[in-house]
Amino acid sequence: MVLRVGVLPGEALVEVTPGPPLRFTVRVEADASDLDEDGFPDALRLDADGDRAVFLRRFSGIAEAQYDAQPPPAEVVDCGALLRFAYREALRGEIEKYQYPFTPLGANLFRIKPGPYRPGGEAFAQFADAETLMRHNTWLVGRDLARAQRGDLLFYRQLEQSMPFHAMVFLGTHAVYHTGPVGKWPGEVRRPAIAELLVHPEPRWRPLIGNPNFLGVHRWKILKDTI
């Protein structure tokens, strides 16, 4: 017997009662579908409204908490690391569908290659930098900041920097991000007001449609509806 389910494949012993003893082993296979072929398996998506709400609350809250808890955990060394840390931690504890690291893909949560999802292979990993997170793990909501909701991501590309892609977590009235290291300075987590960003002294950091360095508002694919 083969059952197709969304998460946690494996084998289980089934015992049927009441009546004559009946025992058999079932093998459960994870759902490998990717109906919109965006590279994310449908099984990994949080398709219940409650799980989505929990994830957004926890993700944004955990990211913001790193500002209050300076210095942040040792693994949070730049903007991409802050996103990965908050993403993983948000999937612990309160999510009903599954909890990290017991996900359909185990601990390998982040897509690192383009293309539709195929079981196996090396398309998912535990590490992804800011550019990879944007390109393969989120979708573009739009370039108008008015479309952002708490927990969305604001991406920038600053070509004159050695690490050109940068990300902030949108919190509503504020954003939170890690500056990344500069020389011997390890950087820090900052939480500027959105009103301050809109009039930033360096126009390249303003989250405005007319700013070519602003790549828009993005949302995690884990929150995307299946077709």
C-alpha atoms as a PDB file:
ATOM      1  CA  MET A   1       0.000   0.000   0.000  1.00  0.00           C
ATOM      2  CA  VAL A   2       1.279   3.480  -0.859  1.00  0.00           C
ATOM      3  CA  LEU A   3      -0.173   6.659   0.651  1.00  0.00           C
ATOM      4  CA  ARG A   4       0.721  10.057  -0.730  1.00  0.00           C
ATOM      5  CA  VAL A   5       0.878  12.790   1.875  1.00  0.00           C
ATOM      6  CA  GLY A   6       2.359  16.226   2.204  1.00  0.00           C
ATOM      7  CA  VAL A   7       5.066  15.746   4.798  1.00  0.00           C
ATOM      8  CA  LEU A   8       7.353  13.336   6.619  1.00  0.00           C
ATOM      9  CA  PRO A   9       7.591  10.252   4.398  1.00  0.00           C
ATOM     10  CA  GLY A  10       8.467   6.875   5.885  1.00  0.00           C
ATOM     11  CA  GLU A  11       6.978   3.559   6.963  1.00  0.00           C
ATOM     12  CA  ALA A  12       4.440   2.839   9.688  1.00  0.00           C
ATOM     13  CA  LEU A  13       2.877  -0.266  11.171  1.00  0.00           C
ATOM     14  CA  VAL A  14      -0.932  -0.133  11.062  1.00  0.00           C
ATOM     15  CA  GLU A  15      -3.091  -2.242  13.357  1.00  0.00           C
ATOM     16  CA  VAL A  16      -6.837  -2.495  12.641  1.00  0.00           C
ATOM     17  CA  THR A  17      -9.268  -3.061  15.531  1.00  0.00           C
ATOM     18  CA  PRO A  18     -11.810  -4.262  16.592  1.00  0.00           C
ATOM     19  CA  GLY A  19     -12.221  -7.654  14.984  1.00  0.00           C
ATOM     20  CA  PRO A  20      -9.676 -10.242  13.972  1.00  0.00           C
ATOM     21  CA  PRO A  21      -6.113  -8.958  14.377  1.00  0.00           C
ATOM     22  CA  LEU A  22      -4.956  -7.215  11.218  1.00  0.00           C
ATOM     23  CA  ARG A  23      -1.552  -5.635  10.918  1.00  0.00           C
ATOM     24  CA  PHE A  24       0.246  -4.303   7.893  1.00  0.00           C
ATOM     25  CA  THR A  25       2.974  -1.838   6.994  1.00  0.00           C
ATOM     26  CA  VAL A  26       2.280   1.227   4.910  1.00  0.00           C
ATOM     27  CA  ARG A  27       4.887   3.242   3.085  1.00  0.00           C
ATOM     28  CA  VAL A  28       4.219   6.959   2.926  1.00  0.00           C
ATOM     29  CA  GLU A  29       5.675   9.000   0.069  1.00  0.00           C
ATOM     30  CA  ALA A  30       5.948  12.770   0.183  1.00  0.00           C
ATOM     31  CA  ASP A  31       3.957  14.746  -2.359  1.00  0.00           C
ATOM     32  CA  ALA A  32       6.486  15.824  -5.007  1.00  0.00           C
ATOM     33  CA  SER A  33       4.116  18.069  -6.959  1.00  0.00           C
ATOM     34  CA  ASP A  34       5.065  21.612  -7.975  1.00  0.00           C
ATOM     35  CA  LEU A  35       1.937  22.671  -9.822  1.00  0.00           C
ATOM     36  CA  ASP A  36       3.061  26.173 -10.714  1.00  0.00           C
ATOM     37  CA  GLU A  37       6.625  24.983 -11.458  1.00  0.00           C
ATOM     38  CA  ASP A  38       8.199  27.766  -9.432  1.00  0.00           C
ATOM     39  CA  GLY A  39      10.760  25.424  -7.891  1.00  0.00           C
ATOM     40  CA  PHE A  40       9.054  25.005  -4.528  1.00  0.00           C
ATOM     41  CA  PRO A  41       7.298  21.711  -3.753  1.00  0.00           C
ATOM     42  CA  ASP A  42       3.654  22.218  -2.876  1.00  0.00           C
ATOM     43  CA  ALA A  43       4.183  20.095   0.239  1.00  0.00           C
ATOM     44  CA  LEU A  44       6.527  22.715   1.699  1.00  0.00           C
ATOM     45  CA  ARG A  45       3.989  25.534   1.433  1.00  0.00           C
ATOM     46  CA  LEU A  46       1.997  26.610   4.453  1.00  0.00           C
ATOM     47  CA  ASP A  47      -1.447  26.251   2.909  1.00  0.00           C
ATOM     48  CA  ALA A  48      -3.518  26.859   6.059  1.00  0.00           C
ATOM     49  CA  ASP A  49      -4.342  30.463   6.932  1.00  0.00           C
ATOM     50  CA  GLY A  50      -3.501  29.794  10.567  1.00  0.00           C
ATOM     51  CA  ASP A  51      -0.024  28.488   9.755  1.00  0.00           C
ATOM     52  CA  ARG A  52       0.664  31.448   7.479  1.00  0.00           C
ATOM     53  CA  ALA A  53      -0.359  33.898  10.169  1.00  0.00           C
ATOM     54  CA  VAL A  54       1.822  32.134  12.741  1.00  0.00           C
ATOM     55  CA  PHE A  55       4.810  32.101  10.392  1.00  0.00           C
ATOM     56  CA  LEU A  56       4.514  35.807   9.554  1.00  0.00           C
ATOM     57  CA  ARG A  57       4.143  36.760  13.202  1.00  0.00           C
ATOM     58  CA  ARG A  58       7.067  34.631  14.297  1.00  0.00           C
ATOM     59  CA  PHE A  59       9.350  35.474  11.356  1.00  0.00           C
ATOM     60  CA  SER A  60       8.946  39.231  11.694  1.00  0.00           C
ATOM     61  CA  GLY A  61       9.054  39.060  15.492  1.00  0.00           C
ATOM     62  CA  ILE A  62      12.205  36.942  15.589  1.00  0.00           C
ATOM     63  CA  ALA A  63      13.964  39.210  13.089  1.00  0.00           C
ATOM     64  CA  GLU A  64      13.017  42.304  15.085  1.00  0.00           C
ATOM     65  CA  ALA A  65      14.082  40.684  18.363  1.00  0.00           C
ATOM     66  CA  GLN A  66      17.671  40.511  17.103  1.00  0.00           C
ATOM     67  CA  TYR A  67      17.750  44.319  17.213  1.00  0.00           C
ATOM     68  CA  ASP A  68      16.746  44.331  20.881  1.00  0.00           C
ATOM     69  CA  ALA A  69      19.120  41.477  21.751  1.00  0.00           C
ATOM     70  CA  GLN A  70      22.343  43.007  20.486  1.00  0.00           C
ATOM     71  CA  PRO A  71      24.638  41.382  19.708  1.00  0.00           C
ATOM     72  CA  PRO A  72      22.670  38.880  17.594  1.00  0.00           C
ATOM     73  CA  PRO A  73      23.479  35.145  17.497  1.00  0.00           C
ATOM     74  CA  ALA A  74      26.933  34.373  16.108  1.00  0.00           C
ATOM     75  CA  GLU A  75      25.463  32.995  12.882  1.00  0.00           C
ATOM     76  CA  VAL A  76      23.732  36.299  12.058  1.00  0.00           C
ATOM     77  CA  VAL A  77      26.571  38.056  10.228  1.00  0.00           C
ATOM     78  CA  ASP A  78      24.760  39.826   7.384  1.00  0.00           C
ATOM     79  CA  CYS A  79      21.298  40.491   5.990  1.00  0.00           C
ATOM     80  CA  GLY A  80      20.942  37.064   4.391  1.00  0.00           C
ATOM     81  CA  ALA A  81      21.934  35.339   7.624  1.00  0.00           C
ATOM     82  CA  LEU A  82      19.294  37.310   9.530  1.00  0.00           C
ATOM     83  CA  LEU A  83      16.631  36.129   7.063  1.00  0.00           C
ATOM     84  CA  ARG A  84      17.738  32.491   7.264  1.00  0.00           C
ATOM     85  CA  PHE A  85      17.839  32.538  11.062  1.00  0.00           C
ATOM     86  CA  ALA A  86      14.387  34.091  11.457  1.00  0.00           C
ATOM     87  CA  TYR A  87      12.916  31.812   8.750  1.00  0.00           C
ATOM     88  CA  ARG A  88      14.153  28.608  10.385  1.00  0.00           C
ATOM     89  CA  GLU A  89      13.167  29.659  13.882  1.00  0.00           C
ATOM     90  CA  ALA A  90       9.711  30.730  12.685  1.00  0.00           C
ATOM     91  CA  LEU A  91       9.055  27.137  11.588  1.00  0.00           C
ATOM     92  CA  ARG A  92       9.580  25.767  15.083  1.00  0.00           C
ATOM     93  CA  GLY A  93       6.981  25.276  17.772  1.00  0.00           C
ATOM     94  CA  GLU A  94       3.642  26.625  16.606  1.00  0.00           C
ATOM     95  CA  ILE A  95       3.296  25.577  12.951  1.00  0.00           C
ATOM     96  CA  GLU A  96       0.774  22.738  12.661  1.00  0.00           C
ATOM     97  CA  LYS A  97       1.691  21.330   9.236  1.00  0.00           C
ATOM     98  CA  TYR A  98       5.277  20.546  10.206  1.00  0.00           C
ATOM     99  CA  GLN A  99       8.047  21.906  12.402  1.00  0.00           C
ATOM    100  CA  TYR A 100      11.682  22.521  11.568  1.00  0.00           C
ATOM    101  CA  PRO A 101      13.800  20.442  11.107  1.00  0.00           C
ATOM    102  CA  PHE A 102      11.111  17.810  10.426  1.00  0.00           C
ATOM    103  CA  THR A 103       9.957  19.304   7.137  1.00  0.00           C
ATOM    104  CA  PRO A 104       9.366  17.646   3.739  1.00  0.00           C
ATOM    105  CA  LEU A 105      12.946  18.622   2.875  1.00  0.00           C
ATOM    106  CA  GLY A 106      14.475  18.191   6.310  1.00  0.00           C
ATOM    107  CA  ALA A 107      16.843  21.016   7.226  1.00  0.00           C
ATOM    108  CA  ASN A 108      17.435  22.009   3.578  1.00  0.00           C
ATOM    109  CA  LEU A 109      14.856  24.784   3.432  1.00  0.00           C
ATOM    110  CA  PHE A 110      16.327  27.119   0.819  1.00  0.00           C
ATOM    111  CA  ARG A 111      16.202  26.755  -2.956  1.00  0.00           C
ATOM    112  CA  ILE A 112      19.608  27.467  -4.511  1.00  0.00           C
ATOM    113  CA  LYS A 113      19.028  26.612  -8.192  1.00  0.00           C
ATOM    114  CA  PRO A 114      16.426  27.611 -10.804  1.00  0.00           C
ATOM    115  CA  GLY A 115      13.895  25.244 -12.355  1.00  0.00           C
ATOM    116  CA  PRO A 116      10.808  23.274 -11.329  1.00  0.00           C
ATOM    117  CA  TYR A 117      10.972  21.029  -8.300  1.00  0.00           C
ATOM    118  CA  ARG A 118      12.264  17.498  -8.745  1.00  0.00           C
ATOM    119  CA  PRO A 119      12.660  15.073  -5.810  1.00  0.00           C
ATOM    120  CA  GLY A 120      16.221  14.389  -4.787  1.00  0.00           C
ATOM    121  CA  GLY A 121      19.130  16.273  -6.223  1.00  0.00           C
ATOM    122  CA  GLU A 122      20.850  19.281  -4.716  1.00  0.00           C
ATOM    123  CA  ALA A 123      18.423  22.109  -5.456  1.00  0.00           C
ATOM    124  CA  PHE A 124      17.811  22.849  -1.755  1.00  0.00           C
ATOM    125  CA  ALA A 125      20.358  23.610   0.951  1.00  0.00           C
ATOM    126  CA  GLN A 126      20.693  25.049   4.433  1.00  0.00           C
ATOM    127  CA  PHE A 127      22.563  28.116   3.143  1.00  0.00           C
ATOM    128  CA  ALA A 128      21.532  30.735   0.599  1.00  0.00           C
ATOM    129  CA  ASP A 129      22.810  34.294   0.285  1.00  0.00           C
ATOM    130  CA  ALA A 130      20.567  37.336  -0.113  1.00  0.00           C
ATOM    131  CA  GLU A 131      20.512  37.167  -3.919  1.00  0.00           C
ATOM    132  CA  THR A 132      19.638  33.466  -3.911  1.00  0.00           C
ATOM    133  CA  LEU A 133      16.916  33.993  -1.324  1.00  0.00           C
ATOM    134  CA  MET A 134      15.369  36.674  -3.513  1.00  0.00           C
ATOM    135  CA  ARG A 135      15.636  34.841  -6.842  1.00  0.00           C
ATOM    136  CA  HIS A 136      14.616  31.335  -5.800  1.00  0.00           C
ATOM    137  CA  ASN A 137      12.773  31.580  -2.473  1.00  0.00           C
ATOM    138  CA  THR A 138      10.486  34.590  -2.860  1.00  0.00           C
ATOM    139  CA  TRP A 139       8.239  36.148  -5.457  1.00  0.00           C
ATOM    140  CA  LEU A 140       7.860  39.803  -6.391  1.00  0.00           C
ATOM    141  CA  VAL A 141       4.738  41.382  -4.908  1.00  0.00           C
ATOM    142  CA  GLY A 142       5.454  44.732  -6.555  1.00  0.00           C
ATOM    143  CA  ARG A 143       7.648  47.821  -6.433  1.00  0.00           C
ATOM    144  CA  ASP A 144       5.079  49.908  -4.577  1.00  0.00           C
ATOM    145  CA  LEU A 145       5.761  49.863  -0.836  1.00  0.00           C
ATOM    146  CA  ALA A 146       2.031  50.297  -0.212  1.00  0.00           C
ATOM    147  CA  ARG A 147       1.598  46.614  -1.145  1.00  0.00           C
ATOM    148  CA  ALA A 148       3.898  45.374   1.609  1.00  0.00           C
ATOM    149  CA  GLN A 149       2.633  43.524   4.661  1.00  0.00           C
ATOM    150  CA  ARG A 150       4.470  42.741   7.880  1.00  0.00           C
ATOM    151  CA  GLY A 151       6.960  39.951   7.222  1.00  0.00           C
ATOM    152  CA  ASP A 152       7.584  40.861   3.572  1.00  0.00           C
ATOM    153  CA  LEU A 153      11.105  41.540   2.318  1.00  0.00           C
ATOM    154  CA  LEU A 154      12.578  44.672   0.756  1.00  0.00           C
ATOM    155  CA  PHE A 155      15.485  43.922  -1.580  1.00  0.00           C
ATOM    156  CA  TYR A 156      18.135  46.273  -2.940  1.00  0.00           C
ATOM    157  CA  ARG A 157      21.036  45.958  -5.359  1.00  0.00           C
ATOM    158  CA  GLN A 158      23.996  48.278  -4.817  1.00  0.00           C
ATOM    159  CA  LEU A 159      26.400  47.536  -7.665  1.00  0.00           C
ATOM    160  CA  GLU A 160      29.270  49.544  -6.198  1.00  0.00           C
ATOM    161  CA  GLN A 161      29.515  47.196  -3.196  1.00  0.00           C
ATOM    162  CA  SER A 162      31.329  43.856  -3.046  1.00  0.00           C
ATOM    163  CA  MET A 163      28.110  42.196  -1.806  1.00  0.00           C
ATOM    164  CA  PRO A 164      25.542  44.044  -3.930  1.00  0.00           C
ATOM    165  CA  PHE A 165      22.303  42.381  -2.789  1.00  0.00           C
ATOM    166  CA  HIS A 166      20.752  43.527   0.468  1.00  0.00           C
ATOM    167  CA  ALA A 167      17.485  42.716   2.233  1.00  0.00           C
ATOM    168  CA  MET A 168      15.312  44.192   4.965  1.00  0.00           C
ATOM    169  CA  VAL A 169      12.323  42.703   6.782  1.00  0.00           C
ATOM    170  CA  PHE A 170       9.280  44.972   6.552  1.00  0.00           C
ATOM    171  CA  LEU A 171       7.640  45.458   9.962  1.00  0.00           C
ATOM    172  CA  GLY A 172       4.948  47.990   9.079  1.00  0.00           C
ATOM    173  CA  THR A 173       6.178  51.284  10.519  1.00  0.00           C
ATOM    174  CA  HIS A 174       9.793  50.064  10.611  1.00  0.00           C
ATOM    175  CA  ALA A 175      12.191  47.680   8.890  1.00  0.00           C
ATOM    176  CA  VAL A 176      14.950  45.540  10.365  1.00  0.00           C
ATOM    177  CA  TYR A 177      18.177  44.391   8.724  1.00  0.00           C
ATOM    178  CA  HIS A 178      21.805  43.503   9.372  1.00  0.00           C
ATOM    179  CA  THR A 179      24.353  45.866   7.864  1.00  0.00           C
ATOM    180  CA  GLY A 180      26.879  43.144   7.167  1.00  0.00           C
ATOM    181  CA  PRO A 181      30.586  43.537   7.997  1.00  0.00           C
ATOM    182  CA  VAL A 182      32.620  46.555   6.936  1.00  0.00           C
ATOM    183  CA  GLY A 183      36.356  46.007   7.233  1.00  0.00           C
ATOM    184  CA  LYS A 184      37.066  44.801  10.771  1.00  0.00           C
ATOM    185  CA  TRP A 185      33.684  45.995  12.014  1.00  0.00           C
ATOM    186  CA  PRO A 186      31.285  43.013  12.182  1.00  0.00           C
ATOM    187  CA  GLY A 187      28.212  45.110  11.494  1.00  0.00           C
ATOM    188  CA  GLU A 188      24.999  45.341  13.477  1.00  0.00           C
ATOM    189  CA  VAL A 189      21.241  44.896  13.333  1.00  0.00           C
ATOM    190  CA  ARG A 190      19.348  48.133  12.686  1.00  0.00           C
ATOM    191  CA  ARG A 191      15.669  49.038  12.822  1.00  0.00           C
ATOM    192  CA  PRO A 192      15.013  52.266  10.918  1.00  0.00           C
ATOM    193  CA  ALA A 193      11.569  53.800  10.595  1.00  0.00           C
ATOM    194  CA  ILE A 194      10.054  53.471   7.124  1.00  0.00           C
ATOM    195  CA  ALA A 195       9.511  57.236   7.180  1.00  0.00           C
ATOM    196  CA  GLU A 196      13.271  57.659   7.607  1.00  0.00           C
ATOM    197  CA  LEU A 197      14.073  55.280   4.754  1.00  0.00           C
ATOM    198  CA  LEU A 198      11.784  57.179   2.401  1.00  0.00           C
ATOM    199  CA  VAL A 199      13.941  60.305   2.850  1.00  0.00           C
ATOM    200  CA  HIS A 200      17.276  58.534   3.381  1.00  0.00           C
ATOM    201  CA  PRO A 201      20.210  60.898   2.704  1.00  0.00           C
ATOM    202  CA  GLU A 202      21.455  58.359   0.148  1.00  0.00           C
ATOM    203  CA  PRO A 203      18.633  58.045  -2.418  1.00  0.00           C
ATOM    204  CA  ARG A 204      19.779  54.536  -3.391  1.00  0.00           C
ATOM    205  CA  TRP A 205      18.346  53.252  -0.082  1.00  0.00           C
ATOM    206  CA  ARG A 206      14.903  54.754  -0.503  1.00  0.00           C
ATOM    207  CA  PRO A 207      12.189  52.079  -1.086  1.00  0.00           C
ATOM    208  CA  LEU A 208      10.597  53.998  -3.934  1.00  0.00           C
ATOM    209  CA  ILE A 209       9.392  52.920  -7.377  1.00  0.00           C
ATOM    210  CA  GLY A 210      11.676  55.452  -9.035  1.00  0.00           C
ATOM    211  CA  ASN A 211      14.799  54.117  -7.317  1.00  0.00           C
ATOM    212  CA  PRO A 212      16.549  51.656  -9.683  1.00  0.00           C
ATOM    213  CA  ASN A 213      18.462  50.182  -6.734  1.00  0.00           C
ATOM    214  CA  PHE A 214      15.230  49.157  -5.008  1.00  0.00           C
ATOM    215  CA  LEU A 215      14.187  45.721  -6.294  1.00  0.00           C
ATOM    216  CA  GLY A 216      10.740  45.811  -4.750  1.00  0.00           C
ATOM    217  CA  VAL A 217       8.619  44.052  -2.168  1.00  0.00           C
ATOM    218  CA  HIS A 218       9.031  40.273  -2.079  1.00  0.00           C
ATOM    219  CA  ARG A 219       7.155  37.536  -0.227  1.00  0.00           C
ATOM    220  CA  TRP A 220       8.324  34.058   0.779  1.00  0.00           C
ATOM    221  CA  LYS A 221       7.209  31.284  -1.579  1.00  0.00           C
ATOM    222  CA  ILE A 222       6.324  29.181   1.447  1.00  0.00           C
ATOM    223  CA  LEU A 223       3.289  31.492   1.774  1.00  0.00           C
ATOM    224  CA  LYS A 224       2.215  31.220  -1.868  1.00  0.00           C
ATOM    225  CA  ASP A 225      -1.091  29.575  -2.743  1.00  0.00           C
ATOM    226  CA  THR A 226      -0.936  26.364  -4.734  1.00  0.00           C
ATOM    227  CA  ILE A 227      -2.871  26.320  -8.008  1.00  0.00           C
END
